[in-house]
Structures are given as structure tokens and as C-alpha cells.
N, C-alpha and C. Protein backbone atom coordinates (compact mmCIF):
# COMPACT_ATOMS: atom_id res chain seq x y z
N MET A 1 -13.06 2.44 9.44
CA MET A 1 -12.58 1.13 9.79
C MET A 1 -11.76 1.17 11.04
N ASP A 2 -12.00 0.29 11.92
CA ASP A 2 -11.24 0.27 13.16
C ASP A 2 -10.64 -1.19 13.41
N LYS A 3 -9.96 -1.32 14.50
CA LYS A 3 -9.18 -2.53 14.77
C LYS A 3 -10.17 -3.78 14.83
N ASN A 4 -11.40 -3.47 15.26
CA ASN A 4 -12.39 -4.57 15.38
C ASN A 4 -12.79 -5.13 14.01
N ASP A 5 -12.69 -4.34 12.99
CA ASP A 5 -13.15 -4.80 11.60
C ASP A 5 -12.15 -6.02 11.22
N ALA A 6 -10.80 -5.87 11.56
CA ALA A 6 -9.87 -6.89 11.16
C ALA A 6 -10.19 -8.20 11.85
N LYS A 7 -10.70 -8.12 13.08
CA LYS A 7 -11.02 -9.30 13.88
C LYS A 7 -12.22 -10.08 13.21
N VAL A 8 -13.07 -9.47 12.49
CA VAL A 8 -14.09 -10.07 11.75
C VAL A 8 -13.62 -11.12 10.83
N LEU A 9 -12.55 -10.91 10.22
CA LEU A 9 -11.90 -11.78 9.20
C LEU A 9 -10.83 -12.64 9.85
N ASP A 10 -10.67 -12.55 11.21
CA ASP A 10 -9.60 -13.25 11.84
C ASP A 10 -8.17 -12.85 11.20
N LEU A 11 -8.00 -11.62 11.10
CA LEU A 11 -6.74 -11.15 10.53
C LEU A 11 -5.75 -10.74 11.68
N SER A 12 -5.98 -11.36 12.81
CA SER A 12 -5.20 -10.98 14.05
C SER A 12 -3.82 -11.61 13.93
N LYS A 13 -2.93 -11.27 14.76
CA LYS A 13 -1.53 -11.82 14.83
C LYS A 13 -1.59 -13.28 15.06
N GLU A 14 -2.59 -13.78 15.75
CA GLU A 14 -2.66 -15.21 15.97
C GLU A 14 -2.88 -16.12 14.68
N ASN A 15 -3.41 -15.43 13.68
CA ASN A 15 -3.62 -16.21 12.45
C ASN A 15 -2.31 -16.30 11.66
N LYS A 16 -1.77 -17.56 11.66
CA LYS A 16 -0.53 -17.76 11.05
C LYS A 16 -0.46 -17.62 9.57
N SER A 17 -1.56 -17.76 8.90
CA SER A 17 -1.53 -17.68 7.42
C SER A 17 -1.24 -16.22 6.89
N TRP A 18 -1.60 -15.25 7.74
CA TRP A 18 -1.49 -13.89 7.30
C TRP A 18 -0.07 -13.45 7.68
N LYS A 19 0.82 -13.42 6.76
CA LYS A 19 2.23 -13.17 6.96
C LYS A 19 2.74 -11.71 6.85
N ILE A 20 1.91 -10.97 6.04
CA ILE A 20 2.35 -9.57 5.94
C ILE A 20 1.89 -8.79 7.15
N GLU A 21 2.35 -7.64 7.38
CA GLU A 21 1.93 -6.89 8.56
C GLU A 21 0.45 -6.44 8.47
N LYS A 22 -0.11 -6.20 9.60
CA LYS A 22 -1.46 -5.72 9.69
C LYS A 22 -1.36 -4.14 9.73
N TRP A 23 -2.21 -3.44 9.04
CA TRP A 23 -2.25 -2.01 9.04
C TRP A 23 -2.34 -1.44 10.48
N PHE A 24 -3.43 -1.71 11.14
CA PHE A 24 -3.58 -1.02 12.40
C PHE A 24 -2.68 -1.64 13.54
N ASP A 25 -2.52 -2.88 13.45
CA ASP A 25 -1.79 -3.59 14.60
C ASP A 25 -0.23 -3.44 14.50
N GLU A 26 0.31 -3.31 13.21
CA GLU A 26 1.77 -3.40 13.13
C GLU A 26 2.35 -2.29 12.29
N VAL A 27 1.66 -1.62 11.45
CA VAL A 27 2.21 -0.60 10.56
C VAL A 27 1.93 0.82 10.95
N PHE A 28 0.68 1.12 11.06
CA PHE A 28 0.16 2.49 11.32
C PHE A 28 0.59 2.90 12.85
N PRO A 29 1.40 3.89 12.87
CA PRO A 29 1.88 4.33 14.27
C PRO A 29 0.89 5.23 15.00
N GLY A 30 -0.22 5.57 14.30
CA GLY A 30 -1.17 6.52 14.86
C GLY A 30 -0.97 7.86 14.36
N GLU A 31 -2.05 8.71 14.35
CA GLU A 31 -1.87 10.06 13.79
C GLU A 31 -0.86 10.89 14.42
N ASP A 32 -0.73 10.69 15.77
CA ASP A 32 0.23 11.56 16.52
C ASP A 32 1.73 11.25 16.20
N ASN A 33 1.93 9.99 15.87
CA ASN A 33 3.24 9.52 15.68
C ASN A 33 3.69 9.40 14.21
N LEU A 34 2.76 9.57 13.21
CA LEU A 34 3.03 9.27 11.95
C LEU A 34 4.19 9.98 11.39
N LEU A 35 4.26 11.32 11.59
CA LEU A 35 5.46 12.07 11.07
C LEU A 35 6.78 11.68 11.72
N SER A 36 6.74 11.65 13.01
CA SER A 36 7.98 11.29 13.67
C SER A 36 8.47 9.91 13.33
N GLU A 37 7.60 9.00 13.04
CA GLU A 37 8.01 7.55 12.77
C GLU A 37 8.74 7.50 11.43
N TYR A 38 8.31 8.28 10.42
CA TYR A 38 8.94 8.15 9.11
C TYR A 38 9.81 9.28 8.78
N TYR A 39 9.83 10.40 9.44
CA TYR A 39 10.59 11.54 9.25
C TYR A 39 12.14 11.26 9.15
N LYS A 40 12.53 10.37 9.98
CA LYS A 40 13.99 10.11 10.16
C LYS A 40 14.53 9.23 8.97
N LEU A 41 13.72 8.73 8.14
CA LEU A 41 14.21 7.83 7.09
C LEU A 41 14.82 8.65 6.02
N PRO A 42 15.95 8.10 5.43
CA PRO A 42 16.47 8.73 4.18
C PRO A 42 15.37 8.81 3.13
N SER A 43 15.47 9.73 2.19
CA SER A 43 14.46 9.96 1.18
C SER A 43 14.15 8.67 0.30
N ARG A 44 15.21 8.03 -0.20
CA ARG A 44 14.93 6.86 -0.99
C ARG A 44 14.16 5.77 -0.19
N GLU A 45 14.62 5.59 1.02
CA GLU A 45 13.90 4.55 1.88
C GLU A 45 12.50 5.05 2.27
N LEU A 46 12.26 6.25 2.43
CA LEU A 46 11.03 6.82 2.75
C LEU A 46 9.99 6.47 1.61
N ILE A 47 10.43 6.64 0.41
CA ILE A 47 9.58 6.37 -0.73
C ILE A 47 9.15 4.91 -0.75
N ILE A 48 10.13 4.04 -0.51
CA ILE A 48 9.94 2.56 -0.53
C ILE A 48 8.99 2.09 0.62
N VAL A 49 9.31 2.67 1.77
CA VAL A 49 8.52 2.33 3.02
C VAL A 49 7.06 2.86 2.91
N CYS A 50 6.91 4.13 2.44
CA CYS A 50 5.52 4.57 2.36
C CYS A 50 4.74 3.86 1.32
N SER A 51 5.38 3.38 0.28
CA SER A 51 4.66 2.51 -0.73
C SER A 51 4.16 1.24 -0.12
N ALA A 52 5.10 0.68 0.72
CA ALA A 52 4.80 -0.61 1.44
C ALA A 52 3.65 -0.45 2.37
N VAL A 53 3.61 0.80 3.04
CA VAL A 53 2.58 1.08 3.98
C VAL A 53 1.19 1.16 3.19
N ILE A 54 1.26 1.85 2.08
CA ILE A 54 0.00 1.92 1.26
C ILE A 54 -0.32 0.48 0.73
N ASP A 55 0.53 -0.27 0.35
CA ASP A 55 0.20 -1.66 -0.06
C ASP A 55 -0.43 -2.48 1.01
N VAL A 56 0.10 -2.36 2.20
CA VAL A 56 -0.50 -3.19 3.33
C VAL A 56 -1.96 -2.56 3.70
N ALA A 57 -2.05 -1.28 3.63
CA ALA A 57 -3.38 -0.68 3.96
C ALA A 57 -4.41 -1.13 2.93
N LEU A 58 -4.01 -1.07 1.62
CA LEU A 58 -4.99 -1.47 0.63
C LEU A 58 -5.29 -2.94 0.74
N ALA A 59 -4.34 -3.75 1.07
CA ALA A 59 -4.62 -5.23 1.26
C ALA A 59 -5.60 -5.46 2.36
N GLU A 60 -5.47 -4.67 3.37
CA GLU A 60 -6.44 -4.87 4.56
C GLU A 60 -7.77 -4.33 4.22
N LEU A 61 -7.88 -3.19 3.60
CA LEU A 61 -9.14 -2.60 3.19
C LEU A 61 -9.85 -3.50 2.19
N ILE A 62 -9.20 -4.02 1.21
CA ILE A 62 -9.75 -5.00 0.27
C ILE A 62 -10.22 -6.19 0.92
N SER A 63 -9.47 -6.76 1.84
CA SER A 63 -9.88 -7.97 2.51
C SER A 63 -11.19 -7.81 3.29
N LEU A 64 -11.40 -6.60 3.76
CA LEU A 64 -12.67 -6.34 4.49
C LEU A 64 -13.92 -6.39 3.66
N ARG A 65 -13.77 -6.14 2.31
CA ARG A 65 -14.83 -6.12 1.39
C ARG A 65 -15.13 -7.50 0.75
N LEU A 66 -14.32 -8.49 0.93
CA LEU A 66 -14.44 -9.79 0.31
C LEU A 66 -15.15 -10.76 1.19
N LYS A 67 -15.69 -11.84 0.57
CA LYS A 67 -16.29 -12.88 1.25
C LYS A 67 -15.49 -13.36 2.47
N LYS A 68 -16.10 -13.68 3.56
CA LYS A 68 -15.38 -14.00 4.78
C LYS A 68 -14.84 -15.41 4.70
N ASP A 69 -13.90 -15.61 3.89
CA ASP A 69 -13.15 -16.92 3.72
C ASP A 69 -11.67 -16.58 3.84
N ASN A 70 -11.18 -16.54 5.07
CA ASN A 70 -9.86 -16.02 5.36
C ASN A 70 -8.74 -16.75 4.54
N SER A 71 -8.79 -18.10 4.38
CA SER A 71 -7.70 -18.78 3.75
C SER A 71 -7.65 -18.37 2.23
N GLU A 72 -8.83 -18.15 1.59
CA GLU A 72 -8.84 -17.68 0.22
C GLU A 72 -8.46 -16.21 0.13
N ILE A 73 -8.81 -15.41 1.08
CA ILE A 73 -8.41 -14.01 1.07
C ILE A 73 -6.87 -13.87 1.15
N VAL A 74 -6.37 -14.64 2.02
CA VAL A 74 -4.87 -14.65 2.25
C VAL A 74 -4.08 -14.99 0.92
N LYS A 75 -4.67 -16.04 0.28
CA LYS A 75 -4.09 -16.43 -1.04
C LYS A 75 -4.28 -15.34 -2.10
N PHE A 76 -5.48 -14.77 -2.16
CA PHE A 76 -5.83 -13.86 -3.17
C PHE A 76 -4.98 -12.53 -3.06
N ILE A 77 -4.81 -12.04 -1.89
CA ILE A 77 -4.16 -10.74 -1.74
C ILE A 77 -2.54 -10.93 -1.46
N GLY A 78 -2.14 -12.22 -1.32
CA GLY A 78 -0.75 -12.41 -1.19
C GLY A 78 -0.31 -12.22 0.25
N ALA A 79 -1.19 -12.27 1.21
CA ALA A 79 -0.85 -12.10 2.63
C ALA A 79 0.01 -13.25 3.16
N ASN A 80 0.05 -14.33 2.45
CA ASN A 80 0.88 -15.49 2.84
C ASN A 80 2.31 -15.32 2.29
N GLY A 81 2.63 -14.22 1.62
CA GLY A 81 3.96 -14.07 1.09
C GLY A 81 4.12 -14.59 -0.33
N GLU A 82 3.01 -15.13 -0.90
CA GLU A 82 3.04 -15.68 -2.26
C GLU A 82 3.10 -14.49 -3.21
N VAL A 83 4.14 -14.49 -4.09
CA VAL A 83 4.38 -13.45 -5.00
C VAL A 83 3.45 -13.44 -6.24
N ASN A 84 2.88 -14.64 -6.48
CA ASN A 84 2.01 -14.79 -7.65
C ASN A 84 0.52 -14.70 -7.28
N ALA A 85 0.21 -14.03 -6.17
CA ALA A 85 -1.12 -13.85 -5.73
C ALA A 85 -1.92 -13.08 -6.79
N THR A 86 -3.22 -13.27 -6.88
CA THR A 86 -4.04 -12.64 -7.92
C THR A 86 -3.88 -11.05 -7.84
N ILE A 87 -3.97 -10.58 -6.59
CA ILE A 87 -3.69 -9.10 -6.45
C ILE A 87 -2.47 -8.86 -5.55
N GLY A 88 -1.42 -9.54 -5.79
CA GLY A 88 -0.19 -9.41 -4.98
C GLY A 88 0.64 -8.09 -5.20
N SER A 89 0.41 -7.50 -6.41
CA SER A 89 1.18 -6.31 -6.65
C SER A 89 0.41 -5.07 -6.18
N LEU A 90 1.14 -3.99 -5.98
CA LEU A 90 0.52 -2.71 -5.62
C LEU A 90 -0.40 -2.22 -6.64
N GLY A 91 0.01 -2.39 -7.88
CA GLY A 91 -0.85 -1.92 -9.04
C GLY A 91 -2.21 -2.66 -9.09
N ALA A 92 -2.18 -4.03 -8.82
CA ALA A 92 -3.36 -4.79 -8.77
C ALA A 92 -4.23 -4.41 -7.61
N LYS A 93 -3.64 -4.10 -6.43
CA LYS A 93 -4.42 -3.65 -5.20
C LYS A 93 -5.05 -2.35 -5.53
N ILE A 94 -4.41 -1.43 -6.17
CA ILE A 94 -4.95 -0.06 -6.54
C ILE A 94 -6.14 -0.30 -7.39
N GLN A 95 -6.02 -1.07 -8.42
CA GLN A 95 -7.13 -1.29 -9.30
C GLN A 95 -8.35 -2.09 -8.64
N MET A 96 -8.01 -3.07 -7.75
CA MET A 96 -9.09 -3.69 -7.08
C MET A 96 -9.81 -2.76 -6.13
N ALA A 97 -9.04 -1.95 -5.37
CA ALA A 97 -9.62 -0.97 -4.47
C ALA A 97 -10.57 -0.07 -5.21
N TYR A 98 -10.17 0.38 -6.35
CA TYR A 98 -11.06 1.24 -7.12
C TYR A 98 -12.31 0.48 -7.56
N LEU A 99 -12.16 -0.74 -8.05
CA LEU A 99 -13.29 -1.49 -8.50
C LEU A 99 -14.22 -1.85 -7.44
N LEU A 100 -13.78 -1.95 -6.18
CA LEU A 100 -14.59 -2.22 -5.07
C LEU A 100 -15.10 -0.90 -4.38
N ASN A 101 -14.86 0.19 -5.04
CA ASN A 101 -15.42 1.47 -4.63
C ASN A 101 -14.78 1.89 -3.25
N ILE A 102 -13.60 1.47 -3.00
CA ILE A 102 -12.86 1.86 -1.73
C ILE A 102 -12.17 3.22 -1.96
N ILE A 103 -11.61 3.43 -3.19
CA ILE A 103 -10.95 4.65 -3.50
C ILE A 103 -11.50 5.24 -4.79
N THR A 104 -11.34 6.57 -4.99
CA THR A 104 -11.88 7.20 -6.14
C THR A 104 -10.90 7.15 -7.34
N LYS A 105 -11.37 7.57 -8.49
CA LYS A 105 -10.52 7.65 -9.66
C LYS A 105 -9.37 8.61 -9.47
N GLU A 106 -9.55 9.73 -8.79
CA GLU A 106 -8.54 10.61 -8.43
C GLU A 106 -7.44 9.98 -7.49
N ASP A 107 -7.96 9.09 -6.62
CA ASP A 107 -7.01 8.44 -5.72
C ASP A 107 -6.16 7.49 -6.48
N VAL A 108 -6.78 6.84 -7.50
CA VAL A 108 -6.05 5.88 -8.40
C VAL A 108 -4.85 6.64 -9.06
N LYS A 109 -5.11 7.84 -9.54
CA LYS A 109 -4.06 8.57 -10.20
C LYS A 109 -2.93 8.86 -9.19
N ILE A 110 -3.23 9.30 -8.07
CA ILE A 110 -2.29 9.58 -7.09
C ILE A 110 -1.45 8.35 -6.60
N LEU A 111 -2.19 7.24 -6.43
CA LEU A 111 -1.52 6.03 -5.94
C LEU A 111 -0.68 5.43 -7.05
N LYS A 112 -1.13 5.55 -8.27
CA LYS A 112 -0.29 5.01 -9.41
C LYS A 112 0.94 5.88 -9.62
N SER A 113 0.82 7.20 -9.37
CA SER A 113 1.97 8.03 -9.47
C SER A 113 3.10 7.63 -8.34
N LEU A 114 2.51 7.44 -7.14
CA LEU A 114 3.42 6.97 -6.04
C LEU A 114 4.06 5.56 -6.37
N LYS A 115 3.26 4.77 -6.97
CA LYS A 115 3.78 3.46 -7.35
C LYS A 115 4.88 3.54 -8.39
N ASP A 116 4.76 4.45 -9.34
CA ASP A 116 5.74 4.65 -10.36
C ASP A 116 7.02 5.22 -9.75
N ILE A 117 6.90 6.15 -8.84
CA ILE A 117 8.06 6.71 -8.10
C ILE A 117 8.77 5.66 -7.32
N ARG A 118 7.97 4.84 -6.59
CA ARG A 118 8.51 3.67 -5.86
C ARG A 118 9.39 2.73 -6.73
N ASN A 119 8.72 2.39 -7.93
CA ASN A 119 9.41 1.44 -8.80
C ASN A 119 10.78 1.99 -9.26
N ILE A 120 10.85 3.26 -9.53
CA ILE A 120 12.18 3.83 -9.95
C ILE A 120 13.19 3.63 -8.85
N PHE A 121 12.79 4.03 -7.70
CA PHE A 121 13.78 3.90 -6.55
C PHE A 121 14.03 2.45 -6.05
N ALA A 122 13.10 1.57 -6.28
CA ALA A 122 13.26 0.26 -5.80
C ALA A 122 14.00 -0.59 -6.76
N HIS A 123 13.90 -0.33 -8.07
CA HIS A 123 14.50 -1.18 -9.03
C HIS A 123 15.72 -0.60 -9.77
N ARG A 124 16.23 0.48 -9.32
CA ARG A 124 17.42 1.06 -9.92
C ARG A 124 18.46 1.32 -8.79
N VAL A 125 19.68 1.03 -9.14
CA VAL A 125 20.77 1.26 -8.16
C VAL A 125 21.19 2.67 -8.16
N ASN A 126 21.42 3.22 -9.33
CA ASN A 126 21.81 4.61 -9.45
C ASN A 126 20.67 5.48 -9.81
N VAL A 127 20.01 6.08 -8.87
CA VAL A 127 18.88 7.02 -9.07
C VAL A 127 19.05 8.24 -8.36
N ASP A 128 18.55 9.26 -8.87
CA ASP A 128 18.71 10.62 -8.25
C ASP A 128 17.44 11.42 -8.37
N PHE A 129 17.09 12.15 -7.37
CA PHE A 129 15.88 12.94 -7.24
C PHE A 129 15.84 13.99 -8.38
N LYS A 130 16.98 14.30 -8.96
CA LYS A 130 17.08 15.33 -9.97
C LYS A 130 17.00 14.77 -11.49
N SER A 131 16.93 13.45 -11.51
CA SER A 131 16.94 12.83 -12.82
C SER A 131 15.55 13.27 -13.57
N GLU A 132 15.58 13.33 -14.88
CA GLU A 132 14.37 13.77 -15.61
C GLU A 132 13.23 12.75 -15.32
N LYS A 133 13.43 11.51 -15.28
CA LYS A 133 12.28 10.52 -15.11
C LYS A 133 11.71 10.72 -13.71
N VAL A 134 12.53 10.98 -12.72
CA VAL A 134 12.02 11.13 -11.32
C VAL A 134 11.11 12.39 -11.24
N ILE A 135 11.70 13.47 -11.89
CA ILE A 135 11.01 14.80 -11.87
C ILE A 135 9.68 14.66 -12.60
N LYS A 136 9.67 13.95 -13.68
CA LYS A 136 8.37 13.85 -14.45
C LYS A 136 7.33 13.05 -13.53
N CYS A 137 7.81 12.00 -12.84
CA CYS A 137 6.89 11.25 -11.99
C CYS A 137 6.30 12.10 -10.82
N PHE A 138 7.25 12.94 -10.21
CA PHE A 138 6.78 13.81 -9.20
C PHE A 138 5.85 14.94 -9.67
N GLN A 139 6.07 15.40 -10.86
CA GLN A 139 5.13 16.33 -11.48
C GLN A 139 3.74 15.77 -11.67
N LYS A 140 3.76 14.44 -12.21
CA LYS A 140 2.53 13.78 -12.46
C LYS A 140 1.81 13.59 -11.10
N LEU A 141 2.50 13.29 -10.07
CA LEU A 141 1.91 13.16 -8.61
C LEU A 141 1.32 14.50 -8.22
N ALA A 142 2.10 15.58 -8.41
CA ALA A 142 1.65 16.85 -7.98
C ALA A 142 0.38 17.30 -8.68
N ASP A 143 0.39 17.00 -10.07
CA ASP A 143 -0.83 17.29 -10.87
C ASP A 143 -2.05 16.49 -10.40
N ALA A 144 -1.85 15.28 -10.06
CA ALA A 144 -2.97 14.44 -9.69
C ALA A 144 -3.48 14.94 -8.30
N TRP A 145 -2.57 15.31 -7.35
CA TRP A 145 -2.92 15.85 -6.11
C TRP A 145 -3.72 17.13 -6.13
N LYS A 146 -3.28 17.96 -7.09
CA LYS A 146 -3.98 19.24 -7.22
C LYS A 146 -5.42 19.10 -7.65
N LYS A 147 -5.70 18.08 -8.50
CA LYS A 147 -6.98 17.78 -9.04
C LYS A 147 -7.87 17.17 -7.94
N LYS A 148 -7.34 16.67 -6.94
CA LYS A 148 -8.12 15.99 -5.81
C LYS A 148 -8.73 16.97 -5.04
């Protein structure tokens, strides 16, 4: 996929209905800058930001597989900021990406593990990397990654 693919669906910055960031245009800093862009973030923030990056990337990949009806795509994936979108959640995007054959079953396990870790850090005030729940989630992620 390249930047021109997004233009097919008119997902450019000029399209006012698409309110979330675009993967290539606004989120992905490029292979050379990826590590330096996110390396400086605190660990908790890094987890949340990386999950948001994955969410945006999946939204864009899914949108490229759907019928070329931009206003319906925007509503379906929640690109207009609507929280009740059909596949507005990261979990729904992971499942849809799998069903559209964008990602593998192994990718699903990895991404769901990342989603679980993100949920812990995003929805709890007092959370620690040494907590039993966090360690279990990271072990699940490591196991899924090894199988890939």
C-alpha cells in the first residue's frame, strides 16, 4: 500500500469527513524516523500511542478493501469521530482485518494482546509494569510473537 492508495478513496486531508489521522500522511513517520519518534515517550504513553497507531493503520487498510463509498466508510470505521461506529473499536478493527484477509490468525493474537495491554494502561489510574495482570499480558504477547 502506498500514499496513492488512500487517494482512491479520497481519504486525503481535504476530505473533511475523515477526522482521524491518516496513517501515511499524519501518523507514520517513516522507517528511518520510527524509533526516534516514539523512543522519547514514557512507557505508559508509548503503549497507548502505539495502540492508537495500530488502530489508525487498521482503519486505513480496512477502508481500502471496502466499496468505494467514502461517506459510508467514514461512518463504518468511525473516521468521523463517532464512537458508536460499527468497527469503531480496536478489537472490531482487528477482527474485520482478519475477516478481510488483511492480517493472519497469528497477527490477531499479537494485536489482541497489545489491545489488552493498552486497555490496562488506558483505563486504570494506578497501574504498574510489575503487576501480575500486566506481566501475564506481556507473556501472552511474547508467546504469540514467538509463534509468528
